Amino acid sequence: MEWRKSSFSADGNCVQVRQDLAAVRDSKNPVGPVLAVDLSRLSAVVKSGKLDR
């Protein structure tokens, strides 16, 4: 699977996003842990305000 640098990365603190938006990882440790999440769905939930307290 292909990875790309997130547009939110800056100052050497790079987050990579998998092309299918199903996972993120730290670019400084590409063989390290990966957070598997449906980023499209998570983004929709965040934008909807359902996570607001």
PDB file of N, CA and C in Angstrom:
ATOM      1  N   MET A   1       0.846  -1.172   0.000  1.00  0.00           N
ATOM      2  CA  MET A   1       0.000   0.000   0.000  1.00  0.00           C
ATOM      3  C   MET A   1       0.893   1.237   0.000  1.00  0.00           C
ATOM      4  N   GLU A   2       0.493   2.228  -0.693  1.00  0.00           N
ATOM      5  CA  GLU A   2       1.240   3.486  -0.776  1.00  0.00           C
ATOM      6  C   GLU A   2       0.898   4.403   0.395  1.00  0.00           C
ATOM      7  N   TRP A   3       1.890   5.177   0.831  1.00  0.00           N
ATOM      8  CA  TRP A   3       1.726   6.157   1.897  1.00  0.00           C
ATOM      9  C   TRP A   3       2.081   7.530   1.355  1.00  0.00           C
ATOM     10  N   ARG A   4       1.476   8.574   1.901  1.00  0.00           N
ATOM     11  CA  ARG A   4       1.809   9.952   1.513  1.00  0.00           C
ATOM     12  C   ARG A   4       1.865  10.810   2.761  1.00  0.00           C
ATOM     13  N   LYS A   5       2.629  11.884   2.676  1.00  0.00           N
ATOM     14  CA  LYS A   5       2.744  12.802   3.797  1.00  0.00           C
ATOM     15  C   LYS A   5       1.429  13.561   3.950  1.00  0.00           C
ATOM     16  N   SER A   6       0.948  13.643   5.156  1.00  0.00           N
ATOM     17  CA  SER A   6      -0.280  14.367   5.435  1.00  0.00           C
ATOM     18  C   SER A   6      -0.082  15.860   5.193  1.00  0.00           C
ATOM     19  N   SER A   7      -1.099  16.515   4.721  1.00  0.00           N
ATOM     20  CA  SER A   7      -1.020  17.965   4.502  1.00  0.00           C
ATOM     21  C   SER A   7      -0.966  18.717   5.831  1.00  0.00           C
ATOM     22  N   PHE A   8      -1.224  18.043   6.944  1.00  0.00           N
ATOM     23  CA  PHE A   8      -1.168  18.669   8.257  1.00  0.00           C
ATOM     24  C   PHE A   8       0.212  18.558   8.895  1.00  0.00           C
ATOM     25  N   SER A   9       1.154  17.916   8.226  1.00  0.00           N
ATOM     26  CA  SER A   9       2.504  17.752   8.760  1.00  0.00           C
ATOM     27  C   SER A   9       3.305  19.035   8.573  1.00  0.00           C
ATOM     28  N   ALA A  10       4.136  19.342   9.575  1.00  0.00           N
ATOM     29  CA  ALA A  10       4.976  20.541   9.482  1.00  0.00           C
ATOM     30  C   ALA A  10       6.172  20.407  10.417  1.00  0.00           C
ATOM     31  N   ASP A  11       7.209  21.165  10.154  1.00  0.00           N
ATOM     32  CA  ASP A  11       8.381  21.264  11.036  1.00  0.00           C
ATOM     33  C   ASP A  11       9.022  19.916  11.355  1.00  0.00           C
ATOM     34  N   GLY A  12       9.057  19.004  10.396  1.00  0.00           N
ATOM     35  CA  GLY A  12       9.683  17.713  10.612  1.00  0.00           C
ATOM     36  C   GLY A  12       8.835  16.722  11.377  1.00  0.00           C
ATOM     37  N   ASN A  13       7.688  17.152  11.874  1.00  0.00           N
ATOM     38  CA  ASN A  13       6.758  16.256  12.560  1.00  0.00           C
ATOM     39  C   ASN A  13       5.799  15.688  11.524  1.00  0.00           C
ATOM     40  N   CYS A  14       6.254  14.664  10.837  1.00  0.00           N
ATOM     41  CA  CYS A  14       5.512  14.176   9.683  1.00  0.00           C
ATOM     42  C   CYS A  14       4.607  12.997  10.023  1.00  0.00           C
ATOM     43  N   VAL A  15       3.387  13.132   9.624  1.00  0.00           N
ATOM     44  CA  VAL A  15       2.412  12.049   9.709  1.00  0.00           C
ATOM     45  C   VAL A  15       2.172  11.579   8.295  1.00  0.00           C
ATOM     46  N   GLN A  16       2.217  10.281   8.092  1.00  0.00           N
ATOM     47  CA  GLN A  16       1.918   9.724   6.785  1.00  0.00           C
ATOM     48  C   GLN A  16       0.541   9.085   6.823  1.00  0.00           C
ATOM     49  N   VAL A  17      -0.176   9.242   5.725  1.00  0.00           N
ATOM     50  CA  VAL A  17      -1.516   8.698   5.581  1.00  0.00           C
ATOM     51  C   VAL A  17      -1.490   7.669   4.475  1.00  0.00           C
ATOM     52  N   ARG A  18      -2.107   6.512   4.738  1.00  0.00           N
ATOM     53  CA  ARG A  18      -2.180   5.497   3.691  1.00  0.00           C
ATOM     54  C   ARG A  18      -3.125   5.977   2.607  1.00  0.00           C
ATOM     55  N   GLN A  19      -2.826   5.658   1.364  1.00  0.00           N
ATOM     56  CA  GLN A  19      -3.604   6.146   0.226  1.00  0.00           C
ATOM     57  C   GLN A  19      -5.095   5.867   0.351  1.00  0.00           C
ATOM     58  N   ASP A  20      -5.466   4.748   0.962  1.00  0.00           N
ATOM     59  CA  ASP A  20      -6.891   4.422   1.099  1.00  0.00           C
ATOM     60  C   ASP A  20      -7.515   5.052   2.352  1.00  0.00           C
ATOM     61  N   LEU A  21      -6.750   5.909   3.039  1.00  0.00           N
ATOM     62  CA  LEU A  21      -7.186   6.613   4.247  1.00  0.00           C
ATOM     63  C   LEU A  21      -7.614   5.663   5.364  1.00  0.00           C
ATOM     64  N   ALA A  22      -7.000   4.484   5.420  1.00  0.00           N
ATOM     65  CA  ALA A  22      -7.361   3.499   6.437  1.00  0.00           C
ATOM     66  C   ALA A  22      -6.342   3.426   7.566  1.00  0.00           C
ATOM     67  N   ALA A  23      -5.272   4.225   7.493  1.00  0.00           N
ATOM     68  CA  ALA A  23      -4.254   4.162   8.543  1.00  0.00           C
ATOM     69  C   ALA A  23      -3.351   5.386   8.488  1.00  0.00           C
ATOM     70  N   VAL A  24      -2.724   5.680   9.639  1.00  0.00           N
ATOM     71  CA  VAL A  24      -1.721   6.742   9.731  1.00  0.00           C
ATOM     72  C   VAL A  24      -0.514   6.186  10.472  1.00  0.00           C
ATOM     73  N   ARG A  25       0.655   6.809  10.236  1.00  0.00           N
ATOM     74  CA  ARG A  25       1.880   6.396  10.918  1.00  0.00           C
ATOM     75  C   ARG A  25       2.838   7.578  11.004  1.00  0.00           C
ATOM     76  N   ASP A  26       3.847   7.425  11.836  1.00  0.00           N
ATOM     77  CA  ASP A  26       4.905   8.416  11.997  1.00  0.00           C
ATOM     78  C   ASP A  26       5.945   8.163  10.909  1.00  0.00           C
ATOM     79  N   SER A  27       6.215   9.141  10.088  1.00  0.00           N
ATOM     80  CA  SER A  27       7.156   8.957   8.971  1.00  0.00           C
ATOM     81  C   SER A  27       8.575   8.696   9.454  1.00  0.00           C
ATOM     82  N   LYS A  28       8.893   9.122  10.685  1.00  0.00           N
ATOM     83  CA  LYS A  28      10.234   8.900  11.219  1.00  0.00           C
ATOM     84  C   LYS A  28      10.436   7.447  11.651  1.00  0.00           C
ATOM     85  N   ASN A  29       9.353   6.673  11.719  1.00  0.00           N
ATOM     86  CA  ASN A  29       9.423   5.280  12.138  1.00  0.00           C
ATOM     87  C   ASN A  29       8.479   4.441  11.257  1.00  0.00           C
ATOM     88  N   PRO A  30       8.791   4.308   9.959  1.00  0.00           N
ATOM     89  CA  PRO A  30       7.874   3.633   9.032  1.00  0.00           C
ATOM     90  C   PRO A  30       7.637   2.152   9.318  1.00  0.00           C
ATOM     91  N   VAL A  31       8.503   1.513  10.096  1.00  0.00           N
ATOM     92  CA  VAL A  31       8.270   0.108  10.448  1.00  0.00           C
ATOM     93  C   VAL A  31       7.649  -0.014  11.836  1.00  0.00           C
ATOM     94  N   GLY A  32       7.367   1.121  12.447  1.00  0.00           N
ATOM     95  CA  GLY A  32       6.778   1.136  13.781  1.00  0.00           C
ATOM     96  C   GLY A  32       5.272   0.945  13.741  1.00  0.00           C
ATOM     97  N   PRO A  33       4.607   1.273  14.827  1.00  0.00           N
ATOM     98  CA  PRO A  33       3.164   1.064  14.930  1.00  0.00           C
ATOM     99  C   PRO A  33       2.382   1.909  13.927  1.00  0.00           C
ATOM    100  N   VAL A  34       1.241   1.383  13.558  1.00  0.00           N
ATOM    101  CA  VAL A  34       0.324   2.044  12.627  1.00  0.00           C
ATOM    102  C   VAL A  34      -1.028   2.152  13.312  1.00  0.00           C
ATOM    103  N   LEU A  35      -1.663   3.312  13.205  1.00  0.00           N
ATOM    104  CA  LEU A  35      -3.008   3.490  13.725  1.00  0.00           C
ATOM    105  C   LEU A  35      -3.975   3.220  12.581  1.00  0.00           C
ATOM    106  N   ALA A  36      -4.692   2.111  12.675  1.00  0.00           N
ATOM    107  CA  ALA A  36      -5.663   1.744  11.635  1.00  0.00           C
ATOM    108  C   ALA A  36      -7.015   2.324  12.013  1.00  0.00           C
ATOM    109  N   VAL A  37      -7.525   3.182  11.146  1.00  0.00           N
ATOM    110  CA  VAL A  37      -8.808   3.841  11.390  1.00  0.00           C
ATOM    111  C   VAL A  37      -9.381   4.275  10.049  1.00  0.00           C
ATOM    112  N   ASP A  38     -10.681   4.288   9.938  1.00  0.00           N
ATOM    113  CA  ASP A  38     -11.325   4.788   8.726  1.00  0.00           C
ATOM    114  C   ASP A  38     -11.360   6.307   8.825  1.00  0.00           C
ATOM    115  N   LEU A  39     -10.356   6.961   8.256  1.00  0.00           N
ATOM    116  CA  LEU A  39     -10.216   8.411   8.402  1.00  0.00           C
ATOM    117  C   LEU A  39     -11.366   9.180   7.767  1.00  0.00           C
ATOM    118  N   SER A  40     -11.926   8.670   6.699  1.00  0.00           N
ATOM    119  CA  SER A  40     -13.066   9.350   6.073  1.00  0.00           C
ATOM    120  C   SER A  40     -14.252   9.382   7.028  1.00  0.00           C
ATOM    121  N   ARG A  41     -14.498   8.256   7.666  1.00  0.00           N
ATOM    122  CA  ARG A  41     -15.624   8.177   8.606  1.00  0.00           C
ATOM    123  C   ARG A  41     -15.348   9.003   9.863  1.00  0.00           C
ATOM    124  N   LEU A  42     -14.125   8.919  10.387  1.00  0.00           N
ATOM    125  CA  LEU A  42     -13.760   9.699  11.558  1.00  0.00           C
ATOM    126  C   LEU A  42     -13.898  11.189  11.276  1.00  0.00           C
ATOM    127  N   SER A  43     -13.450  11.624  10.125  1.00  0.00           N
ATOM    128  CA  SER A  43     -13.566  13.030   9.743  1.00  0.00           C
ATOM    129  C   SER A  43     -15.029  13.475   9.703  1.00  0.00           C
ATOM    130  N   ALA A  44     -15.886  12.635   9.169  1.00  0.00           N
ATOM    131  CA  ALA A  44     -17.315  12.960   9.101  1.00  0.00           C
ATOM    132  C   ALA A  44     -17.917  13.092  10.497  1.00  0.00           C
ATOM    133  N   VAL A  45     -17.523  12.204  11.418  1.00  0.00           N
ATOM    134  CA  VAL A  45     -18.034  12.262  12.792  1.00  0.00           C
ATOM    135  C   VAL A  45     -17.554  13.534  13.480  1.00  0.00           C
ATOM    136  N   VAL A  46     -16.285  13.868  13.308  1.00  0.00           N
ATOM    137  CA  VAL A  46     -15.737  15.079  13.922  1.00  0.00           C
ATOM    138  C   VAL A  46     -16.447  16.317  13.382  1.00  0.00           C
ATOM    139  N   LYS A  47     -16.616  16.385  12.073  1.00  0.00           N
ATOM    140  CA  LYS A  47     -17.275  17.541  11.463  1.00  0.00           C
ATOM    141  C   LYS A  47     -18.736  17.666  11.884  1.00  0.00           C
ATOM    142  N   SER A  48     -19.366  16.535  12.186  1.00  0.00           N
ATOM    143  CA  SER A  48     -20.779  16.574  12.581  1.00  0.00           C
ATOM    144  C   SER A  48     -20.976  17.122  13.992  1.00  0.00           C
ATOM    145  N   GLY A  49     -19.900  17.177  14.790  1.00  0.00           N
ATOM    146  CA  GLY A  49     -19.996  17.678  16.156  1.00  0.00           C
ATOM    147  C   GLY A  49     -20.374  16.606  17.157  1.00  0.00           C
ATOM    148  N   LYS A  50     -20.496  15.367  16.747  1.00  0.00           N
ATOM    149  CA  LYS A  50     -20.918  14.290  17.648  1.00  0.00           C
ATOM    150  C   LYS A  50     -19.902  14.010  18.739  1.00  0.00           C
ATOM    151  N   LEU A  51     -18.667  14.462  18.586  1.00  0.00           N
ATOM    152  CA  LEU A  51     -17.647  14.225  19.602  1.00  0.00           C
ATOM    153  C   LEU A  51     -17.487  15.410  20.549  1.00  0.00           C
ATOM    154  N   ASP A  52     -18.255  16.466  20.320  1.00  0.00           N
ATOM    155  CA  ASP A  52     -18.188  17.635  21.205  1.00  0.00           C
ATOM    156  C   ASP A  52     -18.782  17.276  22.569  1.00  0.00           C
ATOM    157  N   ARG A  53     -18.217  17.852  23.589  1.00  0.00           N
ATOM    158  CA  ARG A  53     -18.714  17.578  24.936  1.00  0.00           C
ATOM    159  C   ARG A  53     -19.643  18.671  25.370  1.00  0.00           C
TER     160      ARG A  53
END
